[in-house]
Amino acid sequence: MRWPRLLMSSFLAVCAAVPAVAQGQTRVEETALATTVYTGEWVQNNSDRPWSGGTAALSNTALSRATLTFSGTGVTWVGLQGPQAGIAKVYLDGAYQVDVDCYATTETVQAVLFARTGLGAGAHTLAIEATGTMNPAATDAFIALDAFDVEGVPGGRVQDAGLPTTVYTGDWFQGNMERAWSGGTAAISKSAGSHATLMFTGTGVSWIGFQGPQGGIARVSLDGAQVANVDTYAAAEQLQVVLFTRSGLTADLHILTIDPTGTMNPAATDAFIVVDAFDVTP
């Protein structure tokens, strides 16, 4: 079964920064499902506590996980410390980082529970996993996700129409040019260092784009690993072409990144890369 196409005119829903957020950071509330995927058992809490954005997501169930996908150079998990708080595992870009014991004798809301800076510019994932375990002094094992602070959010384009799954950084422009693009438009770039990053949950993905005399070479990465260089040159133009496809993935969160290289086939007239749509298989 094929999911409907995720049109490239997507956006990253990032909530406005509040005064407590440091300059150069963007605050992402836990309700921003555009960037945060929850698996397992979570409840939304809007108790009388002063949560950032008014709510927090809570779980005390082992293996329940919240995964934030972001593009930036640093990230901070903002949550709760208190007598009823448990222990969480933290993963960054798929690698285990640390166990965080959120227990404290008194409650602290909007507490910084984990922070990491100095990341490479580009797409990253931060996963918070409830373990169901707790400090011997704790009364429960709840983990609270209140917000994330993201540092170094690039000034590149962030699409603002359609499904919230794709982040554009660097130099991209919206093209309709009377061609028969999926959804009516496409994102186009020939600038090395530009990225189009799709966050999706599924077992397969296809990049839909363009081949033609002016098509360049793109680097494709999946879950942080380079998997292909795609030469989009062709003697004649072809629209809505499958340029890359991968199946047999685990049914989990994945990241597909398309990077224009600024290079081209010797026969090509330019180095343009087109992101028209993505097909995601559940």
C-alpha atoms as a PDB file:
ATOM      1  CA  MET A   1       0.000   0.000   0.000  1.00  0.00           C
ATOM      2  CA  ARG A   2       1.266   3.466  -0.832  1.00  0.00           C
ATOM      3  CA  TRP A   3       0.667   6.506   1.300  1.00  0.00           C
ATOM      4  CA  PRO A   4      -0.351   9.705  -0.453  1.00  0.00           C
ATOM      5  CA  ARG A   5       2.602  11.672  -1.692  1.00  0.00           C
ATOM      6  CA  LEU A   6       4.204  14.031   0.766  1.00  0.00           C
ATOM      7  CA  LEU A   7       4.466  17.137  -1.357  1.00  0.00           C
ATOM      8  CA  MET A   8       7.763  18.977  -1.114  1.00  0.00           C
ATOM      9  CA  SER A   9       5.953  22.178  -0.127  1.00  0.00           C
ATOM     10  CA  SER A  10       6.059  21.115   3.525  1.00  0.00           C
ATOM     11  CA  PHE A  11       7.071  22.936   6.641  1.00  0.00           C
ATOM     12  CA  LEU A  12       8.717  22.440   9.982  1.00  0.00           C
ATOM     13  CA  ALA A  13       6.256  23.582  12.637  1.00  0.00           C
ATOM     14  CA  VAL A  14       8.423  25.389  15.157  1.00  0.00           C
ATOM     15  CA  CYS A  15       6.741  27.294  17.949  1.00  0.00           C
ATOM     16  CA  ALA A  16       7.766  30.853  18.679  1.00  0.00           C
ATOM     17  CA  ALA A  17      10.548  31.332  21.189  1.00  0.00           C
ATOM     18  CA  VAL A  18       9.631  32.400  24.700  1.00  0.00           C
ATOM     19  CA  PRO A  19      11.732  34.789  26.796  1.00  0.00           C
ATOM     20  CA  ALA A  20      13.453  31.932  28.657  1.00  0.00           C
ATOM     21  CA  VAL A  21      15.007  30.673  25.422  1.00  0.00           C
ATOM     22  CA  ALA A  22      18.537  31.881  24.748  1.00  0.00           C
ATOM     23  CA  GLN A  23      19.280  34.092  21.788  1.00  0.00           C
ATOM     24  CA  GLY A  24      19.972  32.031  18.693  1.00  0.00           C
ATOM     25  CA  GLN A  25      17.719  29.202  19.837  1.00  0.00           C
ATOM     26  CA  THR A  26      14.253  28.187  18.702  1.00  0.00           C
ATOM     27  CA  ARG A  27      11.846  26.502  21.115  1.00  0.00           C
ATOM     28  CA  VAL A  28       9.941  23.479  19.815  1.00  0.00           C
ATOM     29  CA  GLU A  29       6.953  22.581  22.000  1.00  0.00           C
ATOM     30  CA  GLU A  30       6.177  18.943  22.683  1.00  0.00           C
ATOM     31  CA  THR A  31       2.927  19.358  20.731  1.00  0.00           C
ATOM     32  CA  ALA A  32       4.828  20.161  17.520  1.00  0.00           C
ATOM     33  CA  LEU A  33       4.119  16.807  15.930  1.00  0.00           C
ATOM     34  CA  ALA A  34       5.655  18.156  12.742  1.00  0.00           C
ATOM     35  CA  THR A  35       9.021  17.483  14.315  1.00  0.00           C
ATOM     36  CA  THR A  36       8.335  15.119  17.216  1.00  0.00           C
ATOM     37  CA  VAL A  37       7.155  11.524  16.770  1.00  0.00           C
ATOM     38  CA  TYR A  38       5.738   9.696  19.798  1.00  0.00           C
ATOM     39  CA  THR A  39       5.649   5.906  20.052  1.00  0.00           C
ATOM     40  CA  GLY A  40       4.346   3.878  22.976  1.00  0.00           C
ATOM     41  CA  GLU A  41       2.127   5.327  25.695  1.00  0.00           C
ATOM     42  CA  TRP A  42       2.112   9.087  26.303  1.00  0.00           C
ATOM     43  CA  VAL A  43      -0.468  11.377  27.863  1.00  0.00           C
ATOM     44  CA  GLN A  44      -0.890  15.099  27.342  1.00  0.00           C
ATOM     45  CA  ASN A  45      -0.784  17.002  30.618  1.00  0.00           C
ATOM     46  CA  ASN A  46      -2.107  20.527  31.057  1.00  0.00           C
ATOM     47  CA  SER A  47      -2.254  20.564  34.839  1.00  0.00           C
ATOM     48  CA  ASP A  48      -1.754  23.714  36.841  1.00  0.00           C
ATOM     49  CA  ARG A  49       1.997  23.514  36.367  1.00  0.00           C
ATOM     50  CA  PRO A  50       3.634  26.288  34.306  1.00  0.00           C
ATOM     51  CA  TRP A  51       4.583  24.101  31.338  1.00  0.00           C
ATOM     52  CA  SER A  52       6.224  25.769  28.369  1.00  0.00           C
ATOM     53  CA  GLY A  53       3.438  26.265  25.834  1.00  0.00           C
ATOM     54  CA  GLY A  54       0.853  25.215  28.422  1.00  0.00           C
ATOM     55  CA  THR A  55       1.231  21.425  28.170  1.00  0.00           C
ATOM     56  CA  ALA A  56       3.708  18.566  28.461  1.00  0.00           C
ATOM     57  CA  ALA A  57       3.809  14.944  27.280  1.00  0.00           C
ATOM     58  CA  LEU A  58       4.205  12.348  30.053  1.00  0.00           C
ATOM     59  CA  SER A  59       4.996   8.632  30.139  1.00  0.00           C
ATOM     60  CA  ASN A  60       6.095   6.090  32.727  1.00  0.00           C
ATOM     61  CA  THR A  61       5.921   3.152  30.314  1.00  0.00           C
ATOM     62  CA  ALA A  62       9.159   1.408  29.362  1.00  0.00           C
ATOM     63  CA  LEU A  63      10.215   1.735  25.711  1.00  0.00           C
ATOM     64  CA  SER A  64       7.866   4.647  25.057  1.00  0.00           C
ATOM     65  CA  ARG A  65       9.883   7.055  22.941  1.00  0.00           C
ATOM     66  CA  ALA A  66       9.688  10.625  21.702  1.00  0.00           C
ATOM     67  CA  THR A  67      11.926  11.439  18.728  1.00  0.00           C
ATOM     68  CA  LEU A  68      12.656  15.009  17.704  1.00  0.00           C
ATOM     69  CA  THR A  69      13.995  15.683  14.229  1.00  0.00           C
ATOM     70  CA  PHE A  70      15.676  19.060  13.917  1.00  0.00           C
ATOM     71  CA  SER A  71      18.174  20.953  11.821  1.00  0.00           C
ATOM     72  CA  GLY A  72      20.668  22.872  13.938  1.00  0.00           C
ATOM     73  CA  THR A  73      23.943  22.785  15.846  1.00  0.00           C
ATOM     74  CA  GLY A  74      22.613  22.179  19.353  1.00  0.00           C
ATOM     75  CA  VAL A  75      19.603  20.877  21.244  1.00  0.00           C
ATOM     76  CA  THR A  76      18.247  20.948  24.794  1.00  0.00           C
ATOM     77  CA  TRP A  77      15.546  18.769  26.336  1.00  0.00           C
ATOM     78  CA  VAL A  78      13.317  20.745  28.697  1.00  0.00           C
ATOM     79  CA  GLY A  79      11.260  18.705  31.156  1.00  0.00           C
ATOM     80  CA  LEU A  80      10.415  18.056  34.798  1.00  0.00           C
ATOM     81  CA  GLN A  81      12.384  17.130  37.873  1.00  0.00           C
ATOM     82  CA  GLY A  82      10.492  15.971  40.946  1.00  0.00           C
ATOM     83  CA  PRO A  83       9.666  13.178  43.408  1.00  0.00           C
ATOM     84  CA  GLN A  84       7.556  11.322  40.823  1.00  0.00           C
ATOM     85  CA  ALA A  85      10.092  11.559  37.996  1.00  0.00           C
ATOM     86  CA  GLY A  86      11.874   8.512  36.603  1.00  0.00           C
ATOM     87  CA  ILE A  87      14.894   7.621  34.504  1.00  0.00           C
ATOM     88  CA  ALA A  88      15.116   8.169  30.735  1.00  0.00           C
ATOM     89  CA  LYS A  89      17.550   7.035  28.078  1.00  0.00           C
ATOM     90  CA  VAL A  90      18.747   9.684  25.618  1.00  0.00           C
ATOM     91  CA  TYR A  91      19.854   8.972  22.038  1.00  0.00           C
ATOM     92  CA  LEU A  92      21.368  11.439  19.582  1.00  0.00           C
ATOM     93  CA  ASP A  93      21.447  10.547  15.892  1.00  0.00           C
ATOM     94  CA  GLY A  94      20.698   6.959  16.851  1.00  0.00           C
ATOM     95  CA  ALA A  95      23.588   6.614  19.318  1.00  0.00           C
ATOM     96  CA  TYR A  96      23.004   6.131  23.042  1.00  0.00           C
ATOM     97  CA  GLN A  97      24.206   9.123  25.064  1.00  0.00           C
ATOM     98  CA  VAL A  98      23.220   8.898  28.717  1.00  0.00           C
ATOM     99  CA  ASP A  99      20.673   7.815  31.306  1.00  0.00           C
ATOM    100  CA  VAL A 100      19.002  10.857  32.876  1.00  0.00           C
ATOM    101  CA  ASP A 101      17.590  10.512  36.389  1.00  0.00           C
ATOM    102  CA  CYS A 102      14.846  13.133  36.649  1.00  0.00           C
ATOM    103  CA  TYR A 103      14.245  12.567  40.356  1.00  0.00           C
ATOM    104  CA  ALA A 104      14.481  15.521  42.746  1.00  0.00           C
ATOM    105  CA  THR A 105      13.058  16.077  46.211  1.00  0.00           C
ATOM    106  CA  THR A 106      11.124  19.137  45.003  1.00  0.00           C
ATOM    107  CA  GLU A 107       9.541  19.863  41.637  1.00  0.00           C
ATOM    108  CA  THR A 108      11.305  21.962  39.021  1.00  0.00           C
ATOM    109  CA  VAL A 109       9.271  22.716  35.895  1.00  0.00           C
ATOM    110  CA  GLN A 110      10.984  23.642  32.611  1.00  0.00           C
ATOM    111  CA  ALA A 111      14.205  22.082  33.885  1.00  0.00           C
ATOM    112  CA  VAL A 112      17.070  21.469  31.458  1.00  0.00           C
ATOM    113  CA  LEU A 113      17.538  17.690  31.525  1.00  0.00           C
ATOM    114  CA  PHE A 114      19.929  17.196  28.607  1.00  0.00           C
ATOM    115  CA  ALA A 115      21.872  19.560  26.355  1.00  0.00           C
ATOM    116  CA  ARG A 116      24.326  19.058  23.528  1.00  0.00           C
ATOM    117  CA  THR A 117      26.083  21.712  21.440  1.00  0.00           C
ATOM    118  CA  GLY A 118      28.695  21.714  18.697  1.00  0.00           C
ATOM    119  CA  LEU A 119      26.767  19.445  16.349  1.00  0.00           C
ATOM    120  CA  GLY A 120      27.423  19.538  12.646  1.00  0.00           C
ATOM    121  CA  ALA A 121      24.991  21.713  10.723  1.00  0.00           C
ATOM    122  CA  GLY A 122      22.243  19.572   9.219  1.00  0.00           C
ATOM    123  CA  ALA A 123      19.518  17.179  10.259  1.00  0.00           C
ATOM    124  CA  HIS A 124      19.710  15.384  13.605  1.00  0.00           C
ATOM    125  CA  THR A 125      17.454  13.264  15.782  1.00  0.00           C
ATOM    126  CA  LEU A 126      17.123  13.380  19.562  1.00  0.00           C
ATOM    127  CA  ALA A 127      15.216  10.494  21.156  1.00  0.00           C
ATOM    128  CA  ILE A 128      13.992  10.400  24.754  1.00  0.00           C
ATOM    129  CA  GLU A 129      12.978   6.933  25.935  1.00  0.00           C
ATOM    130  CA  ALA A 130      11.142   6.198  29.156  1.00  0.00           C
ATOM    131  CA  THR A 131      12.654   3.209  30.951  1.00  0.00           C
ATOM    132  CA  GLY A 132       9.900   2.591  33.498  1.00  0.00           C
ATOM    133  CA  THR A 133      12.591   2.619  36.189  1.00  0.00           C
ATOM    134  CA  MET A 134      13.231   5.166  38.902  1.00  0.00           C
ATOM    135  CA  ASN A 135      15.545   6.350  41.622  1.00  0.00           C
ATOM    136  CA  PRO A 136      15.017   4.381  44.880  1.00  0.00           C
ATOM    137  CA  ALA A 137      13.811   7.613  46.487  1.00  0.00           C
ATOM    138  CA  ALA A 138      11.265   8.359  43.740  1.00  0.00           C
ATOM    139  CA  THR A 139       7.531   7.710  44.010  1.00  0.00           C
ATOM    140  CA  ASP A 140       6.984   7.024  40.296  1.00  0.00           C
ATOM    141  CA  ALA A 141       8.833   6.768  36.964  1.00  0.00           C
ATOM    142  CA  PHE A 142       7.248   9.553  34.908  1.00  0.00           C
ATOM    143  CA  ILE A 143       9.243  11.237  32.152  1.00  0.00           C
ATOM    144  CA  ALA A 144       8.059  14.678  31.033  1.00  0.00           C
ATOM    145  CA  LEU A 145       8.716  16.200  27.626  1.00  0.00           C
ATOM    146  CA  ASP A 146       7.865  19.863  27.889  1.00  0.00           C
ATOM    147  CA  ALA A 147       9.841  21.414  25.028  1.00  0.00           C
ATOM    148  CA  PHE A 148      13.103  21.339  23.109  1.00  0.00           C
ATOM    149  CA  ASP A 149      15.415  24.282  22.515  1.00  0.00           C
ATOM    150  CA  VAL A 150      17.168  24.076  19.148  1.00  0.00           C
ATOM    151  CA  GLU A 151      20.316  26.108  18.586  1.00  0.00           C
ATOM    152  CA  GLY A 152      21.649  27.400  15.293  1.00  0.00           C
ATOM    153  CA  VAL A 153      18.470  26.972  13.278  1.00  0.00           C
ATOM    154  CA  PRO A 154      19.632  27.760   9.751  1.00  0.00           C
ATOM    155  CA  GLY A 155      18.278  30.755   7.918  1.00  0.00           C
ATOM    156  CA  GLY A 156      17.505  28.738   4.834  1.00  0.00           C
ATOM    157  CA  ARG A 157      14.078  28.137   3.467  1.00  0.00           C
ATOM    158  CA  VAL A 158      11.468  26.339   5.537  1.00  0.00           C
ATOM    159  CA  GLN A 159       8.421  25.416   3.479  1.00  0.00           C
ATOM    160  CA  ASP A 160       5.123  26.633   4.860  1.00  0.00           C
ATOM    161  CA  ALA A 161       2.343  24.828   3.016  1.00  0.00           C
ATOM    162  CA  GLY A 162       1.317  21.204   3.138  1.00  0.00           C
ATOM    163  CA  LEU A 163       2.418  18.320   5.322  1.00  0.00           C
ATOM    164  CA  PRO A 164       4.973  19.166   8.016  1.00  0.00           C
ATOM    165  CA  THR A 165       7.758  16.768   7.129  1.00  0.00           C
ATOM    166  CA  THR A 166      10.413  18.474   4.998  1.00  0.00           C
ATOM    167  CA  VAL A 167      13.073  20.997   6.038  1.00  0.00           C
ATOM    168  CA  TYR A 168      14.937  23.018   3.402  1.00  0.00           C
ATOM    169  CA  THR A 169      18.254  24.694   4.203  1.00  0.00           C
ATOM    170  CA  GLY A 170      20.520  26.677   1.917  1.00  0.00           C
ATOM    171  CA  ASP A 171      19.415  28.143  -1.410  1.00  0.00           C
ATOM    172  CA  TRP A 172      16.152  26.762  -2.787  1.00  0.00           C
ATOM    173  CA  PHE A 173      13.473  28.411  -4.853  1.00  0.00           C
ATOM    174  CA  GLN A 174       9.909  27.431  -5.582  1.00  0.00           C
ATOM    175  CA  GLY A 175       9.326  26.607  -9.227  1.00  0.00           C
ATOM    176  CA  ASN A 176       6.123  26.034 -11.162  1.00  0.00           C
ATOM    177  CA  MET A 177       7.314  27.131 -14.616  1.00  0.00           C
ATOM    178  CA  GLU A 178       4.195  25.619 -16.200  1.00  0.00           C
ATOM    179  CA  ARG A 179       5.604  22.119 -15.854  1.00  0.00           C
ATOM    180  CA  ALA A 180       3.424  19.270 -14.587  1.00  0.00           C
ATOM    181  CA  TRP A 181       4.906  19.028 -11.099  1.00  0.00           C
ATOM    182  CA  SER A 182       3.245  16.848  -8.470  1.00  0.00           C
ATOM    183  CA  GLY A 183       1.149  19.244  -6.396  1.00  0.00           C
ATOM    184  CA  GLY A 184       1.815  22.062  -8.847  1.00  0.00           C
ATOM    185  CA  THR A 185       5.279  23.132  -7.669  1.00  0.00           C
ATOM    186  CA  ALA A 186       8.791  21.861  -7.020  1.00  0.00           C
ATOM    187  CA  ALA A 187      11.786  22.993  -4.963  1.00  0.00           C
ATOM    188  CA  ILE A 188      14.920  23.627  -7.017  1.00  0.00           C
ATOM    189  CA  SER A 189      18.556  24.235  -6.100  1.00  0.00           C
ATOM    190  CA  LYS A 190      22.016  23.951  -7.615  1.00  0.00           C
ATOM    191  CA  SER A 191      23.925  25.251  -4.593  1.00  0.00           C
ATOM    192  CA  ALA A 192      26.369  22.917  -2.869  1.00  0.00           C
ATOM    193  CA  GLY A 193      25.681  22.825   0.851  1.00  0.00           C
ATOM    194  CA  SER A 194      21.923  23.073   0.407  1.00  0.00           C
ATOM    195  CA  HIS A 195      19.836  20.279   1.920  1.00  0.00           C
ATOM    196  CA  ALA A 196      16.285  18.960   1.631  1.00  0.00           C
ATOM    197  CA  THR A 197      15.586  16.720   4.623  1.00  0.00           C
ATOM    198  CA  LEU A 198      12.491  14.524   4.873  1.00  0.00           C
ATOM    199  CA  MET A 199      11.458  13.009   8.197  1.00  0.00           C
ATOM    200  CA  PHE A 200       9.125  10.043   7.767  1.00  0.00           C
ATOM    201  CA  THR A 201       7.926   6.921   9.504  1.00  0.00           C
ATOM    202  CA  GLY A 202       7.627   3.937   7.191  1.00  0.00           C
ATOM    203  CA  THR A 203       9.328   0.984   5.535  1.00  0.00           C
ATOM    204  CA  GLY A 204      10.132   2.600   2.208  1.00  0.00           C
ATOM    205  CA  VAL A 205      10.642   5.933   0.501  1.00  0.00           C
ATOM    206  CA  SER A 206      11.052   7.301  -3.026  1.00  0.00           C
ATOM    207  CA  TRP A 207      12.335  10.696  -4.131  1.00  0.00           C
ATOM    208  CA  ILE A 208      10.322  12.105  -7.030  1.00  0.00           C
ATOM    209  CA  GLY A 209      12.096  14.716  -9.128  1.00  0.00           C
ATOM    210  CA  PHE A 210      13.284  15.767 -12.560  1.00  0.00           C
ATOM    211  CA  GLN A 211      15.651  14.565 -15.242  1.00  0.00           C
ATOM    212  CA  GLY A 212      16.775  16.775 -18.100  1.00  0.00           C
ATOM    213  CA  PRO A 213      19.663  18.538 -19.845  1.00  0.00           C
ATOM    214  CA  GLN A 214      19.974  20.969 -16.922  1.00  0.00           C
ATOM    215  CA  GLY A 215      19.831  18.285 -14.206  1.00  0.00           C
ATOM    216  CA  GLY A 216      22.819  18.005 -11.876  1.00  0.00           C
ATOM    217  CA  ILE A 217      24.214  15.470  -9.424  1.00  0.00           C
ATOM    218  CA  ALA A 218      22.782  15.018  -5.918  1.00  0.00           C
ATOM    219  CA  ARG A 219      24.093  13.191  -2.889  1.00  0.00           C
ATOM    220  CA  VAL A 220      21.477  11.062  -1.101  1.00  0.00           C
ATOM    221  CA  SER A 221      21.762  10.123   2.572  1.00  0.00           C
ATOM    222  CA  LEU A 222      19.469   7.870   4.587  1.00  0.00           C
ATOM    223  CA  ASP A 223      19.521   7.979   8.374  1.00  0.00           C
ATOM    224  CA  GLY A 224      22.771   9.927   8.283  1.00  0.00           C
ATOM    225  CA  ALA A 225      24.679   7.569   5.952  1.00  0.00           C
ATOM    226  CA  GLN A 226      25.415   8.409   2.323  1.00  0.00           C
ATOM    227  CA  VAL A 227      23.728   5.840   0.102  1.00  0.00           C
ATOM    228  CA  ALA A 228      24.009   7.169  -3.459  1.00  0.00           C
ATOM    229  CA  ASN A 229      25.086   9.862  -5.865  1.00  0.00           C
ATOM    230  CA  VAL A 230      22.254  10.480  -8.318  1.00  0.00           C
ATOM    231  CA  ASP A 231      22.976  11.992 -11.737  1.00  0.00           C
ATOM    232  CA  THR A 232      19.736  13.635 -12.883  1.00  0.00           C
ATOM    233  CA  TYR A 233      21.003  14.479 -16.378  1.00  0.00           C
ATOM    234  CA  ALA A 234      18.990  13.218 -19.351  1.00  0.00           C
ATOM    235  CA  ALA A 235      18.949  14.308 -22.972  1.00  0.00           C
ATOM    236  CA  ALA A 236      15.210  15.057 -22.781  1.00  0.00           C
ATOM    237  CA  GLU A 237      13.151  16.381 -19.879  1.00  0.00           C
ATOM    238  CA  GLN A 238      11.197  13.925 -17.721  1.00  0.00           C
ATOM    239  CA  LEU A 239       8.931  15.062 -14.890  1.00  0.00           C
ATOM    240  CA  GLN A 240       7.837  13.179 -11.753  1.00  0.00           C
ATOM    241  CA  VAL A 241      10.676  10.694 -12.197  1.00  0.00           C
ATOM    242  CA  VAL A 242      11.647   8.293  -9.413  1.00  0.00           C
ATOM    243  CA  LEU A 243      15.269   9.293  -8.794  1.00  0.00           C
ATOM    244  CA  PHE A 244      15.920   7.230  -5.686  1.00  0.00           C
ATOM    245  CA  THR A 245      13.996   4.517  -3.881  1.00  0.00           C
ATOM    246  CA  ARG A 246      14.645   2.334  -0.865  1.00  0.00           C
ATOM    247  CA  SER A 247      12.429  -0.389   0.596  1.00  0.00           C
ATOM    248  CA  GLY A 248      12.707  -2.923   3.398  1.00  0.00           C
ATOM    249  CA  LEU A 249      13.336  -0.346   6.125  1.00  0.00           C
ATOM    250  CA  THR A 250      12.296  -0.946   9.702  1.00  0.00           C
ATOM    251  CA  ALA A 251       8.881   0.546  10.503  1.00  0.00           C
ATOM    252  CA  ASP A 252      10.390   3.431  12.418  1.00  0.00           C
ATOM    253  CA  LEU A 253      11.429   7.048  12.094  1.00  0.00           C
ATOM    254  CA  HIS A 254      13.847   7.700   9.207  1.00  0.00           C
ATOM    255  CA  ILE A 255      15.536  10.710   7.644  1.00  0.00           C
ATOM    256  CA  LEU A 256      16.148  11.081   3.904  1.00  0.00           C
ATOM    257  CA  THR A 257      18.404  13.940   2.816  1.00  0.00           C
ATOM    258  CA  ILE A 258      18.909  15.245  -0.722  1.00  0.00           C
ATOM    259  CA  ASP A 259      22.051  17.391  -1.134  1.00  0.00           C
ATOM    260  CA  PRO A 260      22.782  19.239  -4.384  1.00  0.00           C
ATOM    261  CA  THR A 261      26.514  18.943  -5.062  1.00  0.00           C
ATOM    262  CA  GLY A 262      26.815  21.819  -7.523  1.00  0.00           C
ATOM    263  CA  THR A 263      28.383  19.365  -9.974  1.00  0.00           C
ATOM    264  CA  MET A 264      26.997  17.923 -13.202  1.00  0.00           C
ATOM    265  CA  ASN A 265      27.413  15.387 -15.953  1.00  0.00           C
ATOM    266  CA  PRO A 266      29.835  16.597 -18.669  1.00  0.00           C
ATOM    267  CA  ALA A 267      26.905  16.591 -21.098  1.00  0.00           C
ATOM    268  CA  ALA A 268      24.654  18.679 -18.827  1.00  0.00           C
ATOM    269  CA  THR A 269      24.018  22.396 -19.237  1.00  0.00           C
ATOM    270  CA  ASP A 270      23.494  23.111 -15.523  1.00  0.00           C
ATOM    271  CA  ALA A 271      23.502  21.462 -12.071  1.00  0.00           C
ATOM    272  CA  PHE A 272      19.901  21.894 -10.894  1.00  0.00           C
ATOM    273  CA  ILE A 273      18.379  19.400  -8.441  1.00  0.00           C
ATOM    274  CA  VAL A 274      14.596  19.176  -8.164  1.00  0.00           C
ATOM    275  CA  VAL A 275      12.613  17.920  -5.177  1.00  0.00           C
ATOM    276  CA  ASP A 276       9.053  17.456  -6.415  1.00  0.00           C
ATOM    277  CA  ALA A 277       7.559  14.952  -3.945  1.00  0.00           C
ATOM    278  CA  PHE A 278       8.268  11.884  -1.851  1.00  0.00           C
ATOM    279  CA  ASP A 279       6.385   8.580  -1.821  1.00  0.00           C
ATOM    280  CA  VAL A 280       6.383   6.913   1.611  1.00  0.00           C
ATOM    281  CA  THR A 281       5.440   3.258   2.127  1.00  0.00           C
ATOM    282  CA  PRO A 282       4.074   2.454   5.619  1.00  0.00           C
END
